[in-house]
Amino acid sequence: MADYVIITDSSCDIAPELLAQWEVPFVSLSYKFDEDAASHGNYDLPFHEFYERMRSGSVARTAAANMETFKEAFEPYVRAGKDLLYIGFSSGLSTTVNSGAMAARELMEAYPERKIVTVDTFAASAGFGLLVYLTVQEKRKGASLEQAAKFVEDTRLHLCHWFTVDDLVYLKRGGRISAAAAFVGGVLNIKPVLHMDDPGHLINMFKVRGRRASIKALADKYGELAVNPGHDTVFISHGDCVEDAKLLEKMLSERYGARVELITYVGPVIGSHSGPGTLALFFVGRER
């Protein structure tokens, strides 16, 4: 059986040094601020600096990785005799995974003895990252490339993404809510609770009043949906609001005995659309 490499992209919001520990290379998506000419990779700027620029009024625009970028990332491995499993950012939010699939097809024509499997996670941020992590564990237990790909396919629609945002202006800018709803929500301190649906789109589920209530609502969803509460792997990501992430971690521990494996930043490519103060919870559930 040929050796294989799991490769992903930076929308998983896992720090490069941690991906290196997992032996998972990545392709970086990019963004730029409207007032700058320079484009940045997801990990180029310190995350706190990125969010401070957003708070001061800067608008960031994002760009998917294209096919040529993927070919450049994939080819050294196939040339070295390794097969690849690319685990990609939700097609419901980006063309990135489709670009990876096109690159895979071209390279398999050039290297017919090699296999490159691409899997759409229908996931984003550290929910996507959690799926990568769980797949790495399967590989370490001896799963073949085909078995690891099937694990992603079997698990992806059980990977729960529940999140809230602190400022509705960013959802308004992305077309998720109307300008009127953003204005009223800001006046009344309304906080939306959203999740990712099966096709990988962000869906506004319900609203609560106040930040603490929105954090509690995330913890409630864990209790409602988790397959194995208190004994599973839980990730939290945040848009430069680590104290809120720690509060959510405390709620999960006190109410369910859950142990959070990782608290990480929502990176700029995702954070450009959700804004500072985004808080997200990820775990395996009975359904999304």
C-alpha atoms as a PDB file:
ATOM      1  CA  MET A   1       0.000   0.000   0.000  1.00  0.00           C
ATOM      2  CA  ALA A   2       1.440   3.374  -1.015  1.00  0.00           C
ATOM      3  CA  ASP A   3       2.182   5.879   1.696  1.00  0.00           C
ATOM      4  CA  TYR A   4      -0.173   8.855   1.712  1.00  0.00           C
ATOM      5  CA  VAL A   5      -0.247  12.380   3.055  1.00  0.00           C
ATOM      6  CA  ILE A   6      -3.237  14.230   4.457  1.00  0.00           C
ATOM      7  CA  ILE A   7      -3.240  17.820   3.176  1.00  0.00           C
ATOM      8  CA  THR A   8      -5.709  20.594   3.963  1.00  0.00           C
ATOM      9  CA  ASP A   9      -6.178  24.348   3.580  1.00  0.00           C
ATOM     10  CA  SER A  10      -5.905  27.260   5.968  1.00  0.00           C
ATOM     11  CA  SER A  11      -9.666  27.679   6.432  1.00  0.00           C
ATOM     12  CA  CYS A  12      -9.385  24.933   9.049  1.00  0.00           C
ATOM     13  CA  ASP A  13      -8.056  27.638  11.425  1.00  0.00           C
ATOM     14  CA  ILE A  14      -5.463  25.345  12.964  1.00  0.00           C
ATOM     15  CA  ALA A  15      -2.109  26.989  13.668  1.00  0.00           C
ATOM     16  CA  PRO A  16       0.681  25.957  11.255  1.00  0.00           C
ATOM     17  CA  GLU A  17       2.826  24.623  14.080  1.00  0.00           C
ATOM     18  CA  LEU A  18       0.001  22.348  15.221  1.00  0.00           C
ATOM     19  CA  LEU A  19      -0.666  21.145  11.668  1.00  0.00           C
ATOM     20  CA  ALA A  20       3.053  20.375  11.468  1.00  0.00           C
ATOM     21  CA  GLN A  21       2.756  18.219  14.602  1.00  0.00           C
ATOM     22  CA  TRP A  22      -0.109  16.376  12.896  1.00  0.00           C
ATOM     23  CA  GLU A  23       2.093  16.038   9.755  1.00  0.00           C
ATOM     24  CA  VAL A  24      -0.540  17.857   7.682  1.00  0.00           C
ATOM     25  CA  PRO A  25       0.682  20.417   5.125  1.00  0.00           C
ATOM     26  CA  PHE A  26      -1.751  23.123   4.022  1.00  0.00           C
ATOM     27  CA  VAL A  27      -2.611  25.487   1.189  1.00  0.00           C
ATOM     28  CA  SER A  28      -3.272  29.061   2.283  1.00  0.00           C
ATOM     29  CA  LEU A  29      -6.246  31.160   1.249  1.00  0.00           C
ATOM     30  CA  SER A  30      -5.654  34.912   1.178  1.00  0.00           C
ATOM     31  CA  TYR A  31      -7.233  38.256   1.993  1.00  0.00           C
ATOM     32  CA  LYS A  32      -6.509  41.946   1.619  1.00  0.00           C
ATOM     33  CA  PHE A  33      -7.726  45.140   3.209  1.00  0.00           C
ATOM     34  CA  ASP A  34      -9.491  47.564   0.893  1.00  0.00           C
ATOM     35  CA  GLU A  35      -7.018  50.321   1.674  1.00  0.00           C
ATOM     36  CA  ASP A  36      -3.926  48.167   0.958  1.00  0.00           C
ATOM     37  CA  ALA A  37      -2.428  46.852  -2.257  1.00  0.00           C
ATOM     38  CA  ALA A  38      -0.798  43.865  -0.556  1.00  0.00           C
ATOM     39  CA  SER A  39      -2.506  40.493  -0.220  1.00  0.00           C
ATOM     40  CA  HIS A  40      -1.938  38.385   2.906  1.00  0.00           C
ATOM     41  CA  GLY A  41      -1.980  34.656   3.546  1.00  0.00           C
ATOM     42  CA  ASN A  42      -4.247  33.493   6.362  1.00  0.00           C
ATOM     43  CA  TYR A  43      -1.383  33.347   8.871  1.00  0.00           C
ATOM     44  CA  ASP A  44       0.735  36.312   7.728  1.00  0.00           C
ATOM     45  CA  LEU A  45      -0.440  38.988  10.178  1.00  0.00           C
ATOM     46  CA  PRO A  46      -0.819  38.472  13.942  1.00  0.00           C
ATOM     47  CA  PHE A  47      -4.488  37.713  14.494  1.00  0.00           C
ATOM     48  CA  HIS A  48      -4.956  40.367  17.180  1.00  0.00           C
ATOM     49  CA  GLU A  49      -3.592  42.965  14.753  1.00  0.00           C
ATOM     50  CA  PHE A  50      -6.016  41.784  12.062  1.00  0.00           C
ATOM     51  CA  TYR A  51      -9.016  42.147  14.368  1.00  0.00           C
ATOM     52  CA  GLU A  52      -7.853  45.521  15.655  1.00  0.00           C
ATOM     53  CA  ARG A  53      -7.809  46.759  12.067  1.00  0.00           C
ATOM     54  CA  MET A  54     -11.349  45.472  11.606  1.00  0.00           C
ATOM     55  CA  ARG A  55     -12.440  47.234  14.801  1.00  0.00           C
ATOM     56  CA  SER A  56     -10.975  50.477  13.479  1.00  0.00           C
ATOM     57  CA  GLY A  57     -13.115  50.200  10.330  1.00  0.00           C
ATOM     58  CA  SER A  58     -10.923  48.343   7.825  1.00  0.00           C
ATOM     59  CA  VAL A  59     -12.757  45.999   5.451  1.00  0.00           C
ATOM     60  CA  ALA A  60     -11.051  42.747   4.438  1.00  0.00           C
ATOM     61  CA  ARG A  61     -11.843  40.856   1.228  1.00  0.00           C
ATOM     62  CA  THR A  62     -10.971  37.188   0.807  1.00  0.00           C
ATOM     63  CA  ALA A  63      -9.811  35.058  -2.124  1.00  0.00           C
ATOM     64  CA  ALA A  64     -10.037  31.302  -2.629  1.00  0.00           C
ATOM     65  CA  ALA A  65      -6.965  29.256  -3.506  1.00  0.00           C
ATOM     66  CA  ASN A  66      -6.851  28.523  -7.246  1.00  0.00           C
ATOM     67  CA  MET A  67      -5.999  25.356  -9.149  1.00  0.00           C
ATOM     68  CA  GLU A  68      -2.389  26.339  -9.854  1.00  0.00           C
ATOM     69  CA  THR A  69      -1.769  26.928  -6.162  1.00  0.00           C
ATOM     70  CA  PHE A  70      -3.004  23.426  -5.430  1.00  0.00           C
ATOM     71  CA  LYS A  71      -0.925  21.876  -8.206  1.00  0.00           C
ATOM     72  CA  GLU A  72       2.182  23.524  -6.762  1.00  0.00           C
ATOM     73  CA  ALA A  73       1.296  22.170  -3.315  1.00  0.00           C
ATOM     74  CA  PHE A  74       0.363  18.644  -4.444  1.00  0.00           C
ATOM     75  CA  GLU A  75       3.020  17.875  -7.052  1.00  0.00           C
ATOM     76  CA  PRO A  76       6.097  17.506  -4.809  1.00  0.00           C
ATOM     77  CA  TYR A  77       4.334  14.727  -2.897  1.00  0.00           C
ATOM     78  CA  VAL A  78       3.108  12.778  -5.921  1.00  0.00           C
ATOM     79  CA  ARG A  79       6.515  13.182  -7.575  1.00  0.00           C
ATOM     80  CA  ALA A  80       8.024  11.657  -4.416  1.00  0.00           C
ATOM     81  CA  GLY A  81       5.733   8.626  -4.773  1.00  0.00           C
ATOM     82  CA  LYS A  82       3.102   9.547  -2.192  1.00  0.00           C
ATOM     83  CA  ASP A  83      -0.657   9.510  -2.575  1.00  0.00           C
ATOM     84  CA  LEU A  84      -2.731  12.385  -1.177  1.00  0.00           C
ATOM     85  CA  LEU A  85      -5.951  12.905   0.743  1.00  0.00           C
ATOM     86  CA  TYR A  86      -7.023  16.533   0.436  1.00  0.00           C
ATOM     87  CA  ILE A  87      -9.603  17.527   3.063  1.00  0.00           C
ATOM     88  CA  GLY A  88     -11.123  20.823   1.927  1.00  0.00           C
ATOM     89  CA  PHE A  89     -13.073  23.914   2.974  1.00  0.00           C
ATOM     90  CA  SER A  90     -16.854  23.773   2.486  1.00  0.00           C
ATOM     91  CA  SER A  91     -18.012  24.161  -1.121  1.00  0.00           C
ATOM     92  CA  GLY A  92     -21.018  25.955   0.377  1.00  0.00           C
ATOM     93  CA  LEU A  93     -18.740  28.882   1.203  1.00  0.00           C
ATOM     94  CA  SER A  94     -15.841  28.780  -1.251  1.00  0.00           C
ATOM     95  CA  THR A  95     -14.639  27.414  -4.585  1.00  0.00           C
ATOM     96  CA  THR A  96     -11.412  26.269  -2.897  1.00  0.00           C
ATOM     97  CA  VAL A  97     -12.222  22.556  -2.653  1.00  0.00           C
ATOM     98  CA  ASN A  98     -13.282  22.496  -6.326  1.00  0.00           C
ATOM     99  CA  SER A  99      -9.931  23.998  -7.309  1.00  0.00           C
ATOM    100  CA  GLY A 100      -8.223  21.265  -5.318  1.00  0.00           C
ATOM    101  CA  ALA A 101     -10.263  18.610  -7.116  1.00  0.00           C
ATOM    102  CA  MET A 102      -9.351  20.040 -10.545  1.00  0.00           C
ATOM    103  CA  ALA A 103      -5.667  20.069  -9.605  1.00  0.00           C
ATOM    104  CA  ALA A 104      -5.956  16.453  -8.457  1.00  0.00           C
ATOM    105  CA  ARG A 105      -7.446  15.352 -11.771  1.00  0.00           C
ATOM    106  CA  GLU A 106      -4.693  17.039 -13.796  1.00  0.00           C
ATOM    107  CA  LEU A 107      -1.931  15.579 -11.654  1.00  0.00           C
ATOM    108  CA  MET A 108      -3.356  12.061 -11.783  1.00  0.00           C
ATOM    109  CA  GLU A 109      -3.269  12.300 -15.575  1.00  0.00           C
ATOM    110  CA  ALA A 110       0.391  13.317 -15.374  1.00  0.00           C
ATOM    111  CA  TYR A 111       1.180  10.711 -12.688  1.00  0.00           C
ATOM    112  CA  PRO A 112      -1.202   7.816 -13.421  1.00  0.00           C
ATOM    113  CA  GLU A 113       0.398   5.601 -10.793  1.00  0.00           C
ATOM    114  CA  ARG A 114      -0.583   8.045  -8.044  1.00  0.00           C
ATOM    115  CA  LYS A 115      -3.922   8.591  -6.321  1.00  0.00           C
ATOM    116  CA  ILE A 116      -5.242  11.942  -5.033  1.00  0.00           C
ATOM    117  CA  VAL A 117      -8.580  11.837  -3.230  1.00  0.00           C
ATOM    118  CA  THR A 118     -10.355  15.118  -2.438  1.00  0.00           C
ATOM    119  CA  VAL A 119     -13.175  15.346   0.097  1.00  0.00           C
ATOM    120  CA  ASP A 120     -15.469  18.313   0.671  1.00  0.00           C
ATOM    121  CA  THR A 121     -15.961  18.663   4.421  1.00  0.00           C
ATOM    122  CA  PHE A 122     -18.994  21.002   4.225  1.00  0.00           C
ATOM    123  CA  ALA A 123     -17.200  22.503   7.226  1.00  0.00           C
ATOM    124  CA  ALA A 124     -15.304  25.644   8.172  1.00  0.00           C
ATOM    125  CA  SER A 125     -12.985  27.115  10.791  1.00  0.00           C
ATOM    126  CA  ALA A 126     -12.076  24.832  13.673  1.00  0.00           C
ATOM    127  CA  GLY A 127     -15.025  22.552  12.851  1.00  0.00           C
ATOM    128  CA  PHE A 128     -13.131  21.792   9.666  1.00  0.00           C
ATOM    129  CA  GLY A 129     -10.000  21.617  11.833  1.00  0.00           C
ATOM    130  CA  LEU A 130     -11.630  19.117  14.176  1.00  0.00           C
ATOM    131  CA  LEU A 131     -12.490  16.890  11.220  1.00  0.00           C
ATOM    132  CA  VAL A 132      -8.853  17.044  10.057  1.00  0.00           C
ATOM    133  CA  TYR A 133      -7.688  16.171  13.585  1.00  0.00           C
ATOM    134  CA  LEU A 134     -10.032  13.193  13.868  1.00  0.00           C
ATOM    135  CA  THR A 135      -8.937  11.928  10.450  1.00  0.00           C
ATOM    136  CA  VAL A 136      -5.284  12.175  11.478  1.00  0.00           C
ATOM    137  CA  GLN A 137      -6.104   9.950  14.458  1.00  0.00           C
ATOM    138  CA  GLU A 138      -7.637   7.398  12.078  1.00  0.00           C
ATOM    139  CA  LYS A 139      -4.501   7.463   9.914  1.00  0.00           C
ATOM    140  CA  ARG A 140      -2.310   6.973  12.971  1.00  0.00           C
ATOM    141  CA  LYS A 141      -4.395   3.928  13.885  1.00  0.00           C
ATOM    142  CA  GLY A 142      -3.593   2.443  10.485  1.00  0.00           C
ATOM    143  CA  ALA A 143      -6.425   3.617   8.220  1.00  0.00           C
ATOM    144  CA  SER A 144      -5.682   3.430   4.506  1.00  0.00           C
ATOM    145  CA  LEU A 145      -6.243   6.426   2.251  1.00  0.00           C
ATOM    146  CA  GLU A 146      -9.632   5.033   1.203  1.00  0.00           C
ATOM    147  CA  GLN A 147     -10.616   4.305   4.802  1.00  0.00           C
ATOM    148  CA  ALA A 148      -9.563   7.798   5.922  1.00  0.00           C
ATOM    149  CA  ALA A 149     -11.550   9.403   3.085  1.00  0.00           C
ATOM    150  CA  LYS A 150     -14.609   7.350   4.006  1.00  0.00           C
ATOM    151  CA  PHE A 151     -14.195   8.430   7.633  1.00  0.00           C
ATOM    152  CA  VAL A 152     -14.379  12.086   6.547  1.00  0.00           C
ATOM    153  CA  GLU A 153     -17.459  11.392   4.427  1.00  0.00           C
ATOM    154  CA  ASP A 154     -19.176   9.459   7.229  1.00  0.00           C
ATOM    155  CA  THR A 155     -18.353  12.038   9.923  1.00  0.00           C
ATOM    156  CA  ARG A 156     -18.763  15.388   8.171  1.00  0.00           C
ATOM    157  CA  LEU A 157     -22.550  15.653   8.567  1.00  0.00           C
ATOM    158  CA  HIS A 158     -22.208  14.928  12.290  1.00  0.00           C
ATOM    159  CA  LEU A 159     -19.655  17.705  12.813  1.00  0.00           C
ATOM    160  CA  CYS A 160     -21.634  20.380  14.676  1.00  0.00           C
ATOM    161  CA  HIS A 161     -20.795  24.063  14.162  1.00  0.00           C
ATOM    162  CA  TRP A 162     -22.623  26.419  16.533  1.00  0.00           C
ATOM    163  CA  PHE A 163     -21.534  30.016  16.781  1.00  0.00           C
ATOM    164  CA  THR A 164     -22.498  33.568  17.622  1.00  0.00           C
ATOM    165  CA  VAL A 165     -21.202  36.988  16.648  1.00  0.00           C
ATOM    166  CA  ASP A 166     -20.844  40.155  18.672  1.00  0.00           C
ATOM    167  CA  ASP A 167     -21.524  42.761  15.979  1.00  0.00           C
ATOM    168  CA  LEU A 168     -24.183  42.253  13.315  1.00  0.00           C
ATOM    169  CA  VAL A 169     -22.540  44.683  10.885  1.00  0.00           C
ATOM    170  CA  TYR A 170     -20.300  41.938   9.507  1.00  0.00           C
ATOM    171  CA  LEU A 171     -23.214  39.617   8.779  1.00  0.00           C
ATOM    172  CA  LYS A 172     -24.981  42.556   7.111  1.00  0.00           C
ATOM    173  CA  ARG A 173     -21.932  43.237   4.960  1.00  0.00           C
ATOM    174  CA  GLY A 174     -21.883  39.597   3.847  1.00  0.00           C
ATOM    175  CA  GLY A 175     -25.593  39.628   3.015  1.00  0.00           C
ATOM    176  CA  ARG A 176     -26.580  37.315   5.887  1.00  0.00           C
ATOM    177  CA  ILE A 177     -28.985  39.851   7.420  1.00  0.00           C
ATOM    178  CA  SER A 178     -30.586  43.090   6.270  1.00  0.00           C
ATOM    179  CA  ALA A 179     -29.345  46.559   7.183  1.00  0.00           C
ATOM    180  CA  ALA A 180     -32.554  47.131   9.169  1.00  0.00           C
ATOM    181  CA  ALA A 181     -32.090  43.901  11.146  1.00  0.00           C
ATOM    182  CA  ALA A 182     -28.484  44.843  11.906  1.00  0.00           C
ATOM    183  CA  PHE A 183     -29.537  48.290  13.142  1.00  0.00           C
ATOM    184  CA  VAL A 184     -32.366  46.992  15.344  1.00  0.00           C
ATOM    185  CA  GLY A 185     -30.217  44.173  16.651  1.00  0.00           C
ATOM    186  CA  GLY A 186     -27.491  46.603  17.629  1.00  0.00           C
ATOM    187  CA  VAL A 187     -29.931  48.864  19.467  1.00  0.00           C
ATOM    188  CA  LEU A 188     -31.597  45.978  21.312  1.00  0.00           C
ATOM    189  CA  ASN A 189     -28.370  44.026  21.966  1.00  0.00           C
ATOM    190  CA  ILE A 190     -29.686  41.084  19.936  1.00  0.00           C
ATOM    191  CA  LYS A 191     -27.196  38.292  19.295  1.00  0.00           C
ATOM    192  CA  PRO A 192     -27.803  35.659  16.617  1.00  0.00           C
ATOM    193  CA  VAL A 193     -26.994  31.985  17.106  1.00  0.00           C
ATOM    194  CA  LEU A 194     -26.021  30.339  13.835  1.00  0.00           C
ATOM    195  CA  HIS A 195     -24.912  26.954  12.618  1.00  0.00           C
ATOM    196  CA  MET A 196     -23.654  25.264   9.467  1.00  0.00           C
ATOM    197  CA  ASP A 197     -26.208  23.152   7.604  1.00  0.00           C
ATOM    198  CA  ASP A 198     -25.577  19.890   5.745  1.00  0.00           C
ATOM    199  CA  PRO A 199     -24.578  21.544   2.420  1.00  0.00           C
ATOM    200  CA  GLY A 200     -22.082  23.699   4.318  1.00  0.00           C
ATOM    201  CA  HIS A 201     -23.898  27.048   4.392  1.00  0.00           C
ATOM    202  CA  LEU A 202     -24.124  29.367   7.400  1.00  0.00           C
ATOM    203  CA  ILE A 203     -27.694  29.505   8.699  1.00  0.00           C
ATOM    204  CA  ASN A 204     -29.166  31.932  11.228  1.00  0.00           C
ATOM    205  CA  MET A 205     -31.076  29.693  13.664  1.00  0.00           C
ATOM    206  CA  PHE A 206     -32.414  31.943  16.427  1.00  0.00           C
ATOM    207  CA  LYS A 207     -31.689  35.122  18.394  1.00  0.00           C
ATOM    208  CA  VAL A 208     -31.144  35.886  22.070  1.00  0.00           C
ATOM    209  CA  ARG A 209     -30.640  39.115  23.955  1.00  0.00           C
ATOM    210  CA  GLY A 210     -27.167  39.714  25.346  1.00  0.00           C
ATOM    211  CA  ARG A 211     -23.727  38.214  24.939  1.00  0.00           C
ATOM    212  CA  ARG A 212     -23.841  35.867  27.924  1.00  0.00           C
ATOM    213  CA  ALA A 213     -27.162  34.428  26.751  1.00  0.00           C
ATOM    214  CA  SER A 214     -25.653  33.697  23.339  1.00  0.00           C
ATOM    215  CA  ILE A 215     -22.695  31.898  24.950  1.00  0.00           C
ATOM    216  CA  LYS A 216     -25.080  29.880  27.108  1.00  0.00           C
ATOM    217  CA  ALA A 217     -27.039  28.952  23.975  1.00  0.00           C
ATOM    218  CA  LEU A 218     -23.891  27.384  22.483  1.00  0.00           C
ATOM    219  CA  ALA A 219     -23.402  25.308  25.618  1.00  0.00           C
ATOM    220  CA  ASP A 220     -27.082  24.285  25.483  1.00  0.00           C
ATOM    221  CA  LYS A 221     -26.594  22.965  21.943  1.00  0.00           C
ATOM    222  CA  TYR A 222     -23.709  20.811  23.086  1.00  0.00           C
ATOM    223  CA  GLY A 223     -25.923  19.192  25.721  1.00  0.00           C
ATOM    224  CA  GLU A 224     -28.695  18.707  23.180  1.00  0.00           C
ATOM    225  CA  LEU A 225     -26.674  17.238  20.309  1.00  0.00           C
ATOM    226  CA  ALA A 226     -23.369  15.749  21.503  1.00  0.00           C
ATOM    227  CA  VAL A 227     -23.055  12.006  20.905  1.00  0.00           C
ATOM    228  CA  ASN A 228     -20.882  11.384  23.945  1.00  0.00           C
ATOM    229  CA  PRO A 229     -21.053  14.439  26.241  1.00  0.00           C
ATOM    230  CA  GLY A 230     -18.047  14.767  28.485  1.00  0.00           C
ATOM    231  CA  HIS A 231     -16.077  12.085  26.649  1.00  0.00           C
ATOM    232  CA  ASP A 232     -15.652  13.556  23.173  1.00  0.00           C
ATOM    233  CA  THR A 233     -13.290  15.971  21.440  1.00  0.00           C
ATOM    234  CA  VAL A 234     -14.378  19.615  21.583  1.00  0.00           C
ATOM    235  CA  PHE A 235     -12.809  22.601  19.825  1.00  0.00           C
ATOM    236  CA  ILE A 236     -13.634  26.303  20.337  1.00  0.00           C
ATOM    237  CA  SER A 237     -12.602  29.149  18.034  1.00  0.00           C
ATOM    238  CA  HIS A 238     -12.890  32.870  18.689  1.00  0.00           C
ATOM    239  CA  GLY A 239     -12.482  36.199  16.918  1.00  0.00           C
ATOM    240  CA  ASP A 240     -10.099  37.850  19.393  1.00  0.00           C
ATOM    241  CA  CYS A 241     -12.346  37.254  22.426  1.00  0.00           C
ATOM    242  CA  VAL A 242     -10.447  34.618  24.361  1.00  0.00           C
ATOM    243  CA  GLU A 243     -12.164  35.430  27.688  1.00  0.00           C
ATOM    244  CA  ASP A 244     -15.532  34.554  26.160  1.00  0.00           C
ATOM    245  CA  ALA A 245     -14.004  31.324  24.830  1.00  0.00           C
ATOM    246  CA  LYS A 246     -12.822  30.494  28.344  1.00  0.00           C
ATOM    247  CA  LEU A 247     -16.290  31.252  29.732  1.00  0.00           C
ATOM    248  CA  LEU A 248     -17.812  28.811  27.239  1.00  0.00           C
ATOM    249  CA  GLU A 249     -15.187  26.241  28.178  1.00  0.00           C
ATOM    250  CA  LYS A 250     -16.125  26.700  31.861  1.00  0.00           C
ATOM    251  CA  MET A 251     -19.841  26.255  31.114  1.00  0.00           C
ATOM    252  CA  LEU A 252     -19.169  23.037  29.202  1.00  0.00           C
ATOM    253  CA  SER A 253     -16.987  21.675  31.982  1.00  0.00           C
ATOM    254  CA  GLU A 254     -19.363  22.537  34.812  1.00  0.00           C
ATOM    255  CA  ARG A 255     -22.553  21.399  33.081  1.00  0.00           C
ATOM    256  CA  TYR A 256     -21.383  18.346  31.142  1.00  0.00           C
ATOM    257  CA  GLY A 257     -17.897  17.445  32.330  1.00  0.00           C
ATOM    258  CA  ALA A 258     -16.629  18.267  28.838  1.00  0.00           C
ATOM    259  CA  ARG A 259     -12.944  18.896  28.276  1.00  0.00           C
ATOM    260  CA  VAL A 260     -12.080  21.341  25.502  1.00  0.00           C
ATOM    261  CA  GLU A 261      -9.136  19.982  23.528  1.00  0.00           C
ATOM    262  CA  LEU A 262      -8.314  23.203  21.684  1.00  0.00           C
ATOM    263  CA  ILE A 263      -9.131  26.913  21.847  1.00  0.00           C
ATOM    264  CA  THR A 264      -7.949  28.666  18.686  1.00  0.00           C
ATOM    265  CA  TYR A 265      -8.457  31.863  16.723  1.00  0.00           C
ATOM    266  CA  VAL A 266     -10.948  32.273  13.922  1.00  0.00           C
ATOM    267  CA  GLY A 267      -8.426  33.140  11.227  1.00  0.00           C
ATOM    268  CA  PRO A 268      -8.690  36.221   8.995  1.00  0.00           C
ATOM    269  CA  VAL A 269     -10.173  34.433   5.973  1.00  0.00           C
ATOM    270  CA  ILE A 270     -13.177  33.304   8.036  1.00  0.00           C
ATOM    271  CA  GLY A 271     -13.069  36.270  10.411  1.00  0.00           C
ATOM    272  CA  SER A 272     -13.359  38.736   7.520  1.00  0.00           C
ATOM    273  CA  HIS A 273     -16.983  37.612   7.212  1.00  0.00           C
ATOM    274  CA  SER A 274     -17.902  37.134  10.880  1.00  0.00           C
ATOM    275  CA  GLY A 275     -15.924  39.908  12.578  1.00  0.00           C
ATOM    276  CA  PRO A 276     -14.322  40.455  15.981  1.00  0.00           C
ATOM    277  CA  GLY A 277     -16.174  38.768  18.818  1.00  0.00           C
ATOM    278  CA  THR A 278     -17.134  35.648  16.872  1.00  0.00           C
ATOM    279  CA  LEU A 279     -17.359  32.634  19.173  1.00  0.00           C
ATOM    280  CA  ALA A 280     -17.801  29.103  17.834  1.00  0.00           C
ATOM    281  CA  LEU A 281     -18.188  25.615  19.306  1.00  0.00           C
ATOM    282  CA  PHE A 282     -17.420  22.371  17.448  1.00  0.00           C
ATOM    283  CA  PHE A 283     -18.107  18.748  18.373  1.00  0.00           C
ATOM    284  CA  VAL A 284     -19.452  15.495  16.908  1.00  0.00           C
ATOM    285  CA  GLY A 285     -23.217  15.286  17.282  1.00  0.00           C
ATOM    286  CA  ARG A 286     -26.120  13.039  16.346  1.00  0.00           C
ATOM    287  CA  GLU A 287     -26.824  15.523  13.564  1.00  0.00           C
ATOM    288  CA  ARG A 288     -25.620  18.993  12.641  1.00  0.00           C
END
